[in-house]
Amino acid sequence: MYYVTKRLEISAAHRLELDYESKCRNLHGHNWIVTVHCRARELNHNGMVTDFSEIKRIVVDDLDHACLNDKLPFNPTAENIARHICELVPNCWRVDVQESEGNTASYEID
């Protein structure tokens, strides 16, 4: 099995739809650290699992400098964002989304 990992930083704003009082219900921003993990049993015709530049293009084009509530059709929690990225990137099996120091959510395909 081959593995590649790409770590990116994006800036984006969001507000959370919550059923309790929280300052996160207000629009606010983060410098998100996104770590994308891809794997493949065989390399593609270029000798890669997934091109690092393709991972960057997909994540940055989709989310960087965006208001995530306007861009995404779901409540933009770190958990949901991790799943969303995992579904977009070829050969991705895990994504870690850190929205602030000490607060990281992960999504992993079973």
PDB file of N, CA and C in Angstrom:
ATOM      1  N   MET A   1       0.857  -1.176   0.000  1.00  0.00           N
ATOM      2  CA  MET A   1       0.000   0.000   0.000  1.00  0.00           C
ATOM      3  C   MET A   1       0.903   1.238   0.000  1.00  0.00           C
ATOM      4  N   TYR A   2       0.537   2.215  -0.819  1.00  0.00           N
ATOM      5  CA  TYR A   2       1.250   3.491  -0.879  1.00  0.00           C
ATOM      6  C   TYR A   2       0.421   4.557  -0.173  1.00  0.00           C
ATOM      7  N   TYR A   3       1.102   5.482   0.487  1.00  0.00           N
ATOM      8  CA  TYR A   3       0.431   6.553   1.221  1.00  0.00           C
ATOM      9  C   TYR A   3       1.067   7.894   0.893  1.00  0.00           C
ATOM     10  N   VAL A   4       0.245   8.931   0.803  1.00  0.00           N
ATOM     11  CA  VAL A   4       0.727  10.309   0.740  1.00  0.00           C
ATOM     12  C   VAL A   4      -0.107  11.150   1.695  1.00  0.00           C
ATOM     13  N   THR A   5       0.513  12.191   2.223  1.00  0.00           N
ATOM     14  CA  THR A   5      -0.166  13.112   3.135  1.00  0.00           C
ATOM     15  C   THR A   5       0.149  14.533   2.698  1.00  0.00           C
ATOM     16  N   LYS A   6      -0.882  15.349   2.618  1.00  0.00           N
ATOM     17  CA  LYS A   6      -0.724  16.759   2.261  1.00  0.00           C
ATOM     18  C   LYS A   6      -1.320  17.603   3.375  1.00  0.00           C
ATOM     19  N   ARG A   7      -0.527  18.543   3.896  1.00  0.00           N
ATOM     20  CA  ARG A   7      -0.977  19.468   4.944  1.00  0.00           C
ATOM     21  C   ARG A   7      -1.125  20.838   4.321  1.00  0.00           C
ATOM     22  N   LEU A   8      -2.289  21.463   4.531  1.00  0.00           N
ATOM     23  CA  LEU A   8      -2.611  22.756   3.946  1.00  0.00           C
ATOM     24  C   LEU A   8      -3.145  23.694   5.007  1.00  0.00           C
ATOM     25  N   GLU A   9      -3.031  24.963   4.755  1.00  0.00           N
ATOM     26  CA  GLU A   9      -3.683  25.964   5.602  1.00  0.00           C
ATOM     27  C   GLU A   9      -4.615  26.782   4.721  1.00  0.00           C
ATOM     28  N   ILE A  10      -5.858  26.912   5.169  1.00  0.00           N
ATOM     29  CA  ILE A  10      -6.825  27.746   4.469  1.00  0.00           C
ATOM     30  C   ILE A  10      -7.440  28.720   5.465  1.00  0.00           C
ATOM     31  N   SER A  11      -7.918  29.815   4.955  1.00  0.00           N
ATOM     32  CA  SER A  11      -8.644  30.790   5.777  1.00  0.00           C
ATOM     33  C   SER A  11     -10.090  30.773   5.330  1.00  0.00           C
ATOM     34  N   ALA A  12     -10.997  30.638   6.284  1.00  0.00           N
ATOM     35  CA  ALA A  12     -12.413  30.610   5.944  1.00  0.00           C
ATOM     36  C   ALA A  12     -13.240  30.990   7.167  1.00  0.00           C
ATOM     37  N   ALA A  13     -14.422  31.512   6.881  1.00  0.00           N
ATOM     38  CA  ALA A  13     -15.361  31.895   7.937  1.00  0.00           C
ATOM     39  C   ALA A  13     -16.523  30.908   7.976  1.00  0.00           C
ATOM     40  N   HIS A  14     -17.143  30.820   9.144  1.00  0.00           N
ATOM     41  CA  HIS A  14     -18.370  30.023   9.266  1.00  0.00           C
ATOM     42  C   HIS A  14     -19.118  30.461  10.517  1.00  0.00           C
ATOM     43  N   ARG A  15     -20.332  30.025  10.576  1.00  0.00           N
ATOM     44  CA  ARG A  15     -21.137  30.134  11.790  1.00  0.00           C
ATOM     45  C   ARG A  15     -21.848  28.795  11.913  1.00  0.00           C
ATOM     46  N   LEU A  16     -22.009  28.347  13.144  1.00  0.00           N
ATOM     47  CA  LEU A  16     -22.604  27.034  13.347  1.00  0.00           C
ATOM     48  C   LEU A  16     -24.073  27.150  13.711  1.00  0.00           C
ATOM     49  N   GLU A  17     -24.854  26.269  13.145  1.00  0.00           N
ATOM     50  CA  GLU A  17     -26.269  26.147  13.497  1.00  0.00           C
ATOM     51  C   GLU A  17     -26.347  25.171  14.661  1.00  0.00           C
ATOM     52  N   LEU A  18     -26.594  25.695  15.855  1.00  0.00           N
ATOM     53  CA  LEU A  18     -26.585  24.883  17.069  1.00  0.00           C
ATOM     54  C   LEU A  18     -27.900  25.019  17.809  1.00  0.00           C
ATOM     55  N   ASP A  19     -28.245  23.986  18.567  1.00  0.00           N
ATOM     56  CA  ASP A  19     -29.482  24.036  19.348  1.00  0.00           C
ATOM     57  C   ASP A  19     -29.222  24.482  20.785  1.00  0.00           C
ATOM     58  N   TYR A  20     -28.108  25.151  21.004  1.00  0.00           N
ATOM     59  CA  TYR A  20     -27.764  25.710  22.314  1.00  0.00           C
ATOM     60  C   TYR A  20     -27.011  27.013  22.097  1.00  0.00           C
ATOM     61  N   GLU A  21     -26.948  27.836  23.126  1.00  0.00           N
ATOM     62  CA  GLU A  21     -26.244  29.118  23.037  1.00  0.00           C
ATOM     63  C   GLU A  21     -24.743  28.885  22.945  1.00  0.00           C
ATOM     64  N   SER A  22     -24.122  29.564  22.008  1.00  0.00           N
ATOM     65  CA  SER A  22     -22.680  29.452  21.837  1.00  0.00           C
ATOM     66  C   SER A  22     -22.207  30.629  20.997  1.00  0.00           C
ATOM     67  N   LYS A  23     -21.023  31.136  21.286  1.00  0.00           N
ATOM     68  CA  LYS A  23     -20.477  32.216  20.469  1.00  0.00           C
ATOM     69  C   LYS A  23     -20.179  31.732  19.053  1.00  0.00           C
ATOM     70  N   CYS A  24     -20.099  30.439  18.854  1.00  0.00           N
ATOM     71  CA  CYS A  24     -19.855  29.882  17.519  1.00  0.00           C
ATOM     72  C   CYS A  24     -21.071  30.008  16.601  1.00  0.00           C
ATOM     73  N   ARG A  25     -22.204  30.435  17.150  1.00  0.00           N
ATOM     74  CA  ARG A  25     -23.379  30.708  16.313  1.00  0.00           C
ATOM     75  C   ARG A  25     -23.202  32.017  15.545  1.00  0.00           C
ATOM     76  N   ASN A  26     -22.227  32.837  15.967  1.00  0.00           N
ATOM     77  CA  ASN A  26     -21.912  34.083  15.267  1.00  0.00           C
ATOM     78  C   ASN A  26     -20.877  33.811  14.174  1.00  0.00           C
ATOM     79  N   LEU A  27     -20.934  34.586  13.112  1.00  0.00           N
ATOM     80  CA  LEU A  27     -19.949  34.462  12.038  1.00  0.00           C
ATOM     81  C   LEU A  27     -18.552  34.756  12.589  1.00  0.00           C
ATOM     82  N   HIS A  28     -17.611  33.860  12.314  1.00  0.00           N
ATOM     83  CA  HIS A  28     -16.225  34.015  12.760  1.00  0.00           C
ATOM     84  C   HIS A  28     -15.323  33.241  11.803  1.00  0.00           C
ATOM     85  N   GLY A  29     -14.037  33.482  11.886  1.00  0.00           N
ATOM     86  CA  GLY A  29     -13.120  32.840  10.966  1.00  0.00           C
ATOM     87  C   GLY A  29     -12.026  32.061  11.665  1.00  0.00           C
ATOM     88  N   HIS A  30     -11.392  31.200  10.883  1.00  0.00           N
ATOM     89  CA  HIS A  30     -10.269  30.397  11.363  1.00  0.00           C
ATOM     90  C   HIS A  30      -9.218  30.328  10.267  1.00  0.00           C
ATOM     91  N   ASN A  31      -7.991  30.118  10.674  1.00  0.00           N
ATOM     92  CA  ASN A  31      -6.956  29.641   9.769  1.00  0.00           C
ATOM     93  C   ASN A  31      -6.888  28.138  10.011  1.00  0.00           C
ATOM     94  N   TRP A  32      -7.595  27.411   9.168  1.00  0.00           N
ATOM     95  CA  TRP A  32      -7.757  25.970   9.322  1.00  0.00           C
ATOM     96  C   TRP A  32      -6.507  25.250   8.834  1.00  0.00           C
ATOM     97  N   ILE A  33      -6.090  24.244   9.568  1.00  0.00           N
ATOM     98  CA  ILE A  33      -5.026  23.344   9.125  1.00  0.00           C
ATOM     99  C   ILE A  33      -5.726  22.059   8.685  1.00  0.00           C
ATOM    100  N   VAL A  34      -5.573  21.724   7.422  1.00  0.00           N
ATOM    101  CA  VAL A  34      -6.229  20.543   6.849  1.00  0.00           C
ATOM    102  C   VAL A  34      -5.142  19.557   6.437  1.00  0.00           C
ATOM    103  N   THR A  35      -5.246  18.337   6.939  1.00  0.00           N
ATOM    104  CA  THR A  35      -4.307  17.283   6.576  1.00  0.00           C
ATOM    105  C   THR A  35      -5.080  16.195   5.847  1.00  0.00           C
ATOM    106  N   VAL A  36      -4.682  15.970   4.600  1.00  0.00           N
ATOM    107  CA  VAL A  36      -5.367  15.013   3.729  1.00  0.00           C
ATOM    108  C   VAL A  36      -4.470  13.790   3.570  1.00  0.00           C
ATOM    109  N   HIS A  37      -5.038  12.624   3.833  1.00  0.00           N
ATOM    110  CA  HIS A  37      -4.313  11.353   3.729  1.00  0.00           C
ATOM    111  C   HIS A  37      -4.912  10.547   2.580  1.00  0.00           C
ATOM    112  N   CYS A  38      -4.068  10.136   1.640  1.00  0.00           N
ATOM    113  CA  CYS A  38      -4.520   9.328   0.501  1.00  0.00           C
ATOM    114  C   CYS A  38      -3.724   8.026   0.470  1.00  0.00           C
ATOM    115  N   ARG A  39      -4.320   7.001  -0.149  1.00  0.00           N
ATOM    116  CA  ARG A  39      -3.626   5.718  -0.264  1.00  0.00           C
ATOM    117  C   ARG A  39      -4.080   5.005  -1.536  1.00  0.00           C
ATOM    118  N   ALA A  40      -3.225   4.102  -1.996  1.00  0.00           N
ATOM    119  CA  ALA A  40      -3.557   3.292  -3.166  1.00  0.00           C
ATOM    120  C   ALA A  40      -2.708   2.027  -3.150  1.00  0.00           C
ATOM    121  N   ARG A  41      -3.292   0.961  -3.630  1.00  0.00           N
ATOM    122  CA  ARG A  41      -2.544  -0.293  -3.736  1.00  0.00           C
ATOM    123  C   ARG A  41      -1.554  -0.229  -4.900  1.00  0.00           C
ATOM    124  N   GLU A  42      -1.930   0.507  -5.936  1.00  0.00           N
ATOM    125  CA  GLU A  42      -1.060   0.664  -7.094  1.00  0.00           C
ATOM    126  C   GLU A  42      -0.939   2.141  -7.431  1.00  0.00           C
ATOM    127  N   LEU A  43       0.202   2.530  -7.945  1.00  0.00           N
ATOM    128  CA  LEU A  43       0.414   3.914  -8.349  1.00  0.00           C
ATOM    129  C   LEU A  43      -0.219   4.159  -9.712  1.00  0.00           C
ATOM    130  N   ASN A  44      -0.597   5.409  -9.967  1.00  0.00           N
ATOM    131  CA  ASN A  44      -1.171   5.747 -11.266  1.00  0.00           C
ATOM    132  C   ASN A  44      -0.077   5.760 -12.338  1.00  0.00           C
ATOM    133  N   HIS A  45      -0.448   6.088 -13.568  1.00  0.00           N
ATOM    134  CA  HIS A  45       0.498   6.050 -14.686  1.00  0.00           C
ATOM    135  C   HIS A  45       1.654   7.041 -14.515  1.00  0.00           C
ATOM    136  N   ASN A  46       1.525   8.013 -13.632  1.00  0.00           N
ATOM    137  CA  ASN A  46       2.600   8.957 -13.333  1.00  0.00           C
ATOM    138  C   ASN A  46       3.448   8.525 -12.135  1.00  0.00           C
ATOM    139  N   GLY A  47       3.124   7.372 -11.559  1.00  0.00           N
ATOM    140  CA  GLY A  47       3.874   6.888 -10.408  1.00  0.00           C
ATOM    141  C   GLY A  47       3.462   7.529  -9.095  1.00  0.00           C
ATOM    142  N   MET A  48       2.195   7.979  -9.014  1.00  0.00           N
ATOM    143  CA  MET A  48       1.705   8.671  -7.824  1.00  0.00           C
ATOM    144  C   MET A  48       0.435   8.026  -7.285  1.00  0.00           C
ATOM    145  N   VAL A  49       0.187   8.257  -5.983  1.00  0.00           N
ATOM    146  CA  VAL A  49      -1.111   7.921  -5.384  1.00  0.00           C
ATOM    147  C   VAL A  49      -2.114   8.974  -5.838  1.00  0.00           C
ATOM    148  N   THR A  50      -1.868  10.202  -5.474  1.00  0.00           N
ATOM    149  CA  THR A  50      -2.624  11.379  -5.887  1.00  0.00           C
ATOM    150  C   THR A  50      -1.628  12.529  -5.907  1.00  0.00           C
ATOM    151  N   ASP A  51      -1.645  13.314  -6.961  1.00  0.00           N
ATOM    152  CA  ASP A  51      -0.699  14.427  -7.092  1.00  0.00           C
ATOM    153  C   ASP A  51      -0.947  15.443  -5.978  1.00  0.00           C
ATOM    154  N   PHE A  52       0.112  15.850  -5.288  1.00  0.00           N
ATOM    155  CA  PHE A  52      -0.013  16.834  -4.216  1.00  0.00           C
ATOM    156  C   PHE A  52      -0.669  18.118  -4.706  1.00  0.00           C
ATOM    157  N   SER A  53      -0.341  18.526  -5.925  1.00  0.00           N
ATOM    158  CA  SER A  53      -0.929  19.772  -6.452  1.00  0.00           C
ATOM    159  C   SER A  53      -2.420  19.614  -6.709  1.00  0.00           C
ATOM    160  N   GLU A  54      -2.879  18.410  -7.033  1.00  0.00           N
ATOM    161  CA  GLU A  54      -4.313  18.181  -7.213  1.00  0.00           C
ATOM    162  C   GLU A  54      -5.041  18.279  -5.875  1.00  0.00           C
ATOM    163  N   ILE A  55      -4.443  17.729  -4.831  1.00  0.00           N
ATOM    164  CA  ILE A  55      -5.041  17.834  -3.498  1.00  0.00           C
ATOM    165  C   ILE A  55      -5.173  19.307  -3.115  1.00  0.00           C
ATOM    166  N   LYS A  56      -4.094  20.061  -3.303  1.00  0.00           N
ATOM    167  CA  LYS A  56      -4.117  21.486  -2.967  1.00  0.00           C
ATOM    168  C   LYS A  56      -5.172  22.225  -3.770  1.00  0.00           C
ATOM    169  N   ARG A  57      -5.220  21.958  -5.074  1.00  0.00           N
ATOM    170  CA  ARG A  57      -6.194  22.635  -5.929  1.00  0.00           C
ATOM    171  C   ARG A  57      -7.624  22.355  -5.461  1.00  0.00           C
ATOM    172  N   ILE A  58      -7.924  21.117  -5.172  1.00  0.00           N
ATOM    173  CA  ILE A  58      -9.277  20.743  -4.765  1.00  0.00           C
ATOM    174  C   ILE A  58      -9.670  21.447  -3.466  1.00  0.00           C
ATOM    175  N   VAL A  59      -8.811  21.387  -2.470  1.00  0.00           N
ATOM    176  CA  VAL A  59      -9.150  21.954  -1.158  1.00  0.00           C
ATOM    177  C   VAL A  59      -9.168  23.477  -1.209  1.00  0.00           C
ATOM    178  N   VAL A  60      -8.136  24.078  -1.770  1.00  0.00           N
ATOM    179  CA  VAL A  60      -8.042  25.543  -1.799  1.00  0.00           C
ATOM    180  C   VAL A  60      -9.136  26.135  -2.675  1.00  0.00           C
ATOM    181  N   ASP A  61      -9.338  25.590  -3.867  1.00  0.00           N
ATOM    182  CA  ASP A  61     -10.371  26.129  -4.757  1.00  0.00           C
ATOM    183  C   ASP A  61     -11.763  26.019  -4.142  1.00  0.00           C
ATOM    184  N   ASP A  62     -11.985  24.967  -3.381  1.00  0.00           N
ATOM    185  CA  ASP A  62     -13.311  24.745  -2.806  1.00  0.00           C
ATOM    186  C   ASP A  62     -13.568  25.595  -1.560  1.00  0.00           C
ATOM    187  N   LEU A  63     -12.555  25.793  -0.719  1.00  0.00           N
ATOM    188  CA  LEU A  63     -12.828  26.338   0.610  1.00  0.00           C
ATOM    189  C   LEU A  63     -12.063  27.597   1.010  1.00  0.00           C
ATOM    190  N   ASP A  64     -10.920  27.876   0.420  1.00  0.00           N
ATOM    191  CA  ASP A  64     -10.091  28.981   0.899  1.00  0.00           C
ATOM    192  C   ASP A  64     -10.760  30.332   0.669  1.00  0.00           C
ATOM    193  N   HIS A  65     -10.708  31.172   1.680  1.00  0.00           N
ATOM    194  CA  HIS A  65     -11.282  32.526   1.661  1.00  0.00           C
ATOM    195  C   HIS A  65     -12.765  32.514   1.298  1.00  0.00           C
ATOM    196  N   ALA A  66     -13.474  31.562   1.853  1.00  0.00           N
ATOM    197  CA  ALA A  66     -14.917  31.445   1.614  1.00  0.00           C
ATOM    198  C   ALA A  66     -15.671  31.589   2.926  1.00  0.00           C
ATOM    199  N   CYS A  67     -16.922  31.976   2.808  1.00  0.00           N
ATOM    200  CA  CYS A  67     -17.855  31.836   3.925  1.00  0.00           C
ATOM    201  C   CYS A  67     -18.479  30.457   3.751  1.00  0.00           C
ATOM    202  N   LEU A  68     -18.105  29.538   4.587  1.00  0.00           N
ATOM    203  CA  LEU A  68     -18.480  28.142   4.396  1.00  0.00           C
ATOM    204  C   LEU A  68     -19.987  27.923   4.430  1.00  0.00           C
ATOM    205  N   ASN A  69     -20.706  28.736   5.160  1.00  0.00           N
ATOM    206  CA  ASN A  69     -22.165  28.604   5.192  1.00  0.00           C
ATOM    207  C   ASN A  69     -22.776  28.892   3.827  1.00  0.00           C
ATOM    208  N   ASP A  70     -22.151  29.776   3.059  1.00  0.00           N
ATOM    209  CA  ASP A  70     -22.656  30.102   1.725  1.00  0.00           C
ATOM    210  C   ASP A  70     -22.245  29.061   0.693  1.00  0.00           C
ATOM    211  N   LYS A  71     -21.186  28.344   0.961  1.00  0.00           N
ATOM    212  CA  LYS A  71     -20.583  27.430  -0.010  1.00  0.00           C
ATOM    213  C   LYS A  71     -21.029  25.978   0.164  1.00  0.00           C
ATOM    214  N   LEU A  72     -21.303  25.586   1.398  1.00  0.00           N
ATOM    215  CA  LEU A  72     -21.569  24.181   1.695  1.00  0.00           C
ATOM    216  C   LEU A  72     -23.030  23.944   2.059  1.00  0.00           C
ATOM    217  N   PRO A  73     -23.595  22.812   1.650  1.00  0.00           N
ATOM    218  CA  PRO A  73     -25.008  22.533   1.915  1.00  0.00           C
ATOM    219  C   PRO A  73     -25.278  21.840   3.245  1.00  0.00           C
ATOM    220  N   PHE A  74     -24.404  22.056   4.227  1.00  0.00           N
ATOM    221  CA  PHE A  74     -24.551  21.423   5.531  1.00  0.00           C
ATOM    222  C   PHE A  74     -23.978  22.346   6.593  1.00  0.00           C
ATOM    223  N   ASN A  75     -24.255  22.034   7.849  1.00  0.00           N
ATOM    224  CA  ASN A  75     -23.707  22.795   8.966  1.00  0.00           C
ATOM    225  C   ASN A  75     -22.184  22.631   8.947  1.00  0.00           C
ATOM    226  N   PRO A  76     -21.415  23.713   8.759  1.00  0.00           N
ATOM    227  CA  PRO A  76     -19.983  23.592   8.529  1.00  0.00           C
ATOM    228  C   PRO A  76     -19.146  23.391   9.800  1.00  0.00           C
ATOM    229  N   THR A  77     -19.430  22.318  10.504  1.00  0.00           N
ATOM    230  CA  THR A  77     -18.591  21.928  11.633  1.00  0.00           C
ATOM    231  C   THR A  77     -17.287  21.352  11.088  1.00  0.00           C
ATOM    232  N   ALA A  78     -16.261  21.299  11.901  1.00  0.00           N
ATOM    233  CA  ALA A  78     -14.992  20.712  11.472  1.00  0.00           C
ATOM    234  C   ALA A  78     -15.185  19.259  11.047  1.00  0.00           C
ATOM    235  N   GLU A  79     -16.063  18.544  11.731  1.00  0.00           N
ATOM    236  CA  GLU A  79     -16.330  17.148  11.387  1.00  0.00           C
ATOM    237  C   GLU A  79     -16.930  17.026   9.979  1.00  0.00           C
ATOM    238  N   ASN A  80     -17.924  17.864   9.692  1.00  0.00           N
ATOM    239  CA  ASN A  80     -18.561  17.820   8.372  1.00  0.00           C
ATOM    240  C   ASN A  80     -17.612  18.280   7.270  1.00  0.00           C
ATOM    241  N   ILE A  81     -16.770  19.246   7.565  1.00  0.00           N
ATOM    242  CA  ILE A  81     -15.795  19.716   6.585  1.00  0.00           C
ATOM    243  C   ILE A  81     -14.793  18.602   6.270  1.00  0.00           C
ATOM    244  N   ALA A  82     -14.351  17.873   7.279  1.00  0.00           N
ATOM    245  CA  ALA A  82     -13.429  16.760   7.063  1.00  0.00           C
ATOM    246  C   ALA A  82     -14.050  15.720   6.139  1.00  0.00           C
ATOM    247  N   ARG A  83     -15.297  15.362   6.364  1.00  0.00           N
ATOM    248  CA  ARG A  83     -15.979  14.387   5.504  1.00  0.00           C
ATOM    249  C   ARG A  83     -16.084  14.914   4.073  1.00  0.00           C
ATOM    250  N   HIS A  84     -16.462  16.176   3.936  1.00  0.00           N
ATOM    251  CA  HIS A  84     -16.620  16.795   2.623  1.00  0.00           C
ATOM    252  C   HIS A  84     -15.314  16.715   1.817  1.00  0.00           C
ATOM    253  N   ILE A  85     -14.206  17.084   2.429  1.00  0.00           N
ATOM    254  CA  ILE A  85     -12.918  17.040   1.740  1.00  0.00           C
ATOM    255  C   ILE A  85     -12.558  15.605   1.360  1.00  0.00           C
ATOM    256  N   CYS A  86     -12.796  14.677   2.268  1.00  0.00           N
ATOM    257  CA  CYS A  86     -12.484  13.275   2.012  1.00  0.00           C
ATOM    258  C   CYS A  86     -13.248  12.765   0.785  1.00  0.00           C
ATOM    259  N   GLU A  87     -14.475  13.223   0.612  1.00  0.00           N
ATOM    260  CA  GLU A  87     -15.291  12.799  -0.521  1.00  0.00           C
ATOM    261  C   GLU A  87     -14.841  13.438  -1.837  1.00  0.00           C
ATOM    262  N   LEU A  88     -14.149  14.575  -1.782  1.00  0.00           N
ATOM    263  CA  LEU A  88     -13.718  15.278  -2.995  1.00  0.00           C
ATOM    264  C   LEU A  88     -12.375  14.796  -3.543  1.00  0.00           C
ATOM    265  N   VAL A  89     -11.460  14.420  -2.677  1.00  0.00           N
ATOM    266  CA  VAL A  89     -10.084  14.135  -3.093  1.00  0.00           C
ATOM    267  C   VAL A  89      -9.949  12.657  -3.491  1.00  0.00           C
ATOM    268  N   PRO A  90      -9.426  12.395  -4.684  1.00  0.00           N
ATOM    269  CA  PRO A  90      -9.236  11.004  -5.113  1.00  0.00           C
ATOM    270  C   PRO A  90      -8.310  10.231  -4.174  1.00  0.00           C
ATOM    271  N   ASN A  91      -8.677   9.006  -3.897  1.00  0.00           N
ATOM    272  CA  ASN A  91      -7.901   8.078  -3.058  1.00  0.00           C
ATOM    273  C   ASN A  91      -7.789   8.507  -1.598  1.00  0.00           C
ATOM    274  N   CYS A  92      -8.578   9.483  -1.194  1.00  0.00           N
ATOM    275  CA  CYS A  92      -8.515   9.948   0.191  1.00  0.00           C
ATOM    276  C   CYS A  92      -9.216   8.956   1.108  1.00  0.00           C
ATOM    277  N   TRP A  93      -8.583   8.675   2.243  1.00  0.00           N
ATOM    278  CA  TRP A  93      -9.191   7.777   3.224  1.00  0.00           C
ATOM    279  C   TRP A  93      -9.324   8.429   4.595  1.00  0.00           C
ATOM    280  N   ARG A  94      -8.645   9.577   4.793  1.00  0.00           N
ATOM    281  CA  ARG A  94      -8.734  10.270   6.085  1.00  0.00           C
ATOM    282  C   ARG A  94      -8.423  11.743   5.893  1.00  0.00           C
ATOM    283  N   VAL A  95      -9.152  12.569   6.638  1.00  0.00           N
ATOM    284  CA  VAL A  95      -8.886  14.012   6.666  1.00  0.00           C
ATOM    285  C   VAL A  95      -8.961  14.476   8.110  1.00  0.00           C
ATOM    286  N   ASP A  96      -7.985  15.303   8.512  1.00  0.00           N
ATOM    287  CA  ASP A  96      -7.972  15.944   9.815  1.00  0.00           C
ATOM    288  C   ASP A  96      -8.139  17.441   9.582  1.00  0.00           C
ATOM    289  N   VAL A  97      -9.070  18.050  10.308  1.00  0.00           N
ATOM    290  CA  VAL A  97      -9.332  19.483  10.189  1.00  0.00           C
ATOM    291  C   VAL A  97      -9.129  20.116  11.559  1.00  0.00           C
ATOM    292  N   GLN A  98      -8.126  20.968  11.661  1.00  0.00           N
ATOM    293  CA  GLN A  98      -7.846  21.691  12.904  1.00  0.00           C
ATOM    294  C   GLN A  98      -8.348  23.113  12.734  1.00  0.00           C
ATOM    295  N   GLU A  99      -9.337  23.473  13.544  1.00  0.00           N
ATOM    296  CA  GLU A  99      -9.875  24.830  13.421  1.00  0.00           C
ATOM    297  C   GLU A  99      -9.192  25.806  14.358  1.00  0.00           C
ATOM    298  N   SER A 100      -8.571  25.311  15.401  1.00  0.00           N
ATOM    299  CA  SER A 100      -7.785  26.139  16.312  1.00  0.00           C
ATOM    300  C   SER A 100      -6.875  25.217  17.106  1.00  0.00           C
ATOM    301  N   GLU A 101      -5.900  25.804  17.768  1.00  0.00           N
ATOM    302  CA  GLU A 101      -4.965  25.007  18.555  1.00  0.00           C
ATOM    303  C   GLU A 101      -5.733  24.148  19.561  1.00  0.00           C
ATOM    304  N   GLY A 102      -5.517  22.869  19.500  1.00  0.00           N
ATOM    305  CA  GLY A 102      -6.162  21.956  20.441  1.00  0.00           C
ATOM    306  C   GLY A 102      -7.520  21.443  20.010  1.00  0.00           C
ATOM    307  N   ASN A 103      -8.048  21.905  18.860  1.00  0.00           N
ATOM    308  CA  ASN A 103      -9.371  21.485  18.395  1.00  0.00           C
ATOM    309  C   ASN A 103      -9.273  20.926  16.978  1.00  0.00           C
ATOM    310  N   THR A 104      -9.260  19.609  16.887  1.00  0.00           N
ATOM    311  CA  THR A 104      -9.127  18.918  15.605  1.00  0.00           C
ATOM    312  C   THR A 104     -10.216  17.876  15.484  1.00  0.00           C
ATOM    313  N   ALA A 105     -10.825  17.814  14.294  1.00  0.00           N
ATOM    314  CA  ALA A 105     -11.808  16.781  13.987  1.00  0.00           C
ATOM    315  C   ALA A 105     -11.275  15.947  12.845  1.00  0.00           C
ATOM    316  N   SER A 106     -11.608  14.671  12.827  1.00  0.00           N
ATOM    317  CA  SER A 106     -11.136  13.768  11.778  1.00  0.00           C
ATOM    318  C   SER A 106     -12.301  13.002  11.187  1.00  0.00           C
ATOM    319  N   TYR A 107     -12.145  12.670   9.909  1.00  0.00           N
ATOM    320  CA  TYR A 107     -13.078  11.765   9.243  1.00  0.00           C
ATOM    321  C   TYR A 107     -12.250  10.721   8.544  1.00  0.00           C
ATOM    322  N   GLU A 108     -12.649   9.474   8.694  1.00  0.00           N
ATOM    323  CA  GLU A 108     -11.930   8.360   8.094  1.00  0.00           C
ATOM    324  C   GLU A 108     -12.930   7.398   7.473  1.00  0.00           C
ATOM    325  N   ILE A 109     -12.643   6.981   6.252  1.00  0.00           N
ATOM    326  CA  ILE A 109     -13.490   5.983   5.582  1.00  0.00           C
ATOM    327  C   ILE A 109     -13.235   4.634   6.236  1.00  0.00           C
ATOM    328  N   ASP A 110     -14.312   3.916   6.543  1.00  0.00           N
ATOM    329  CA  ASP A 110     -14.168   2.573   7.140  1.00  0.00           C
ATOM    330  C   ASP A 110     -13.584   1.597   6.149  1.00  0.00           C
TER     331      ASP A 110
END
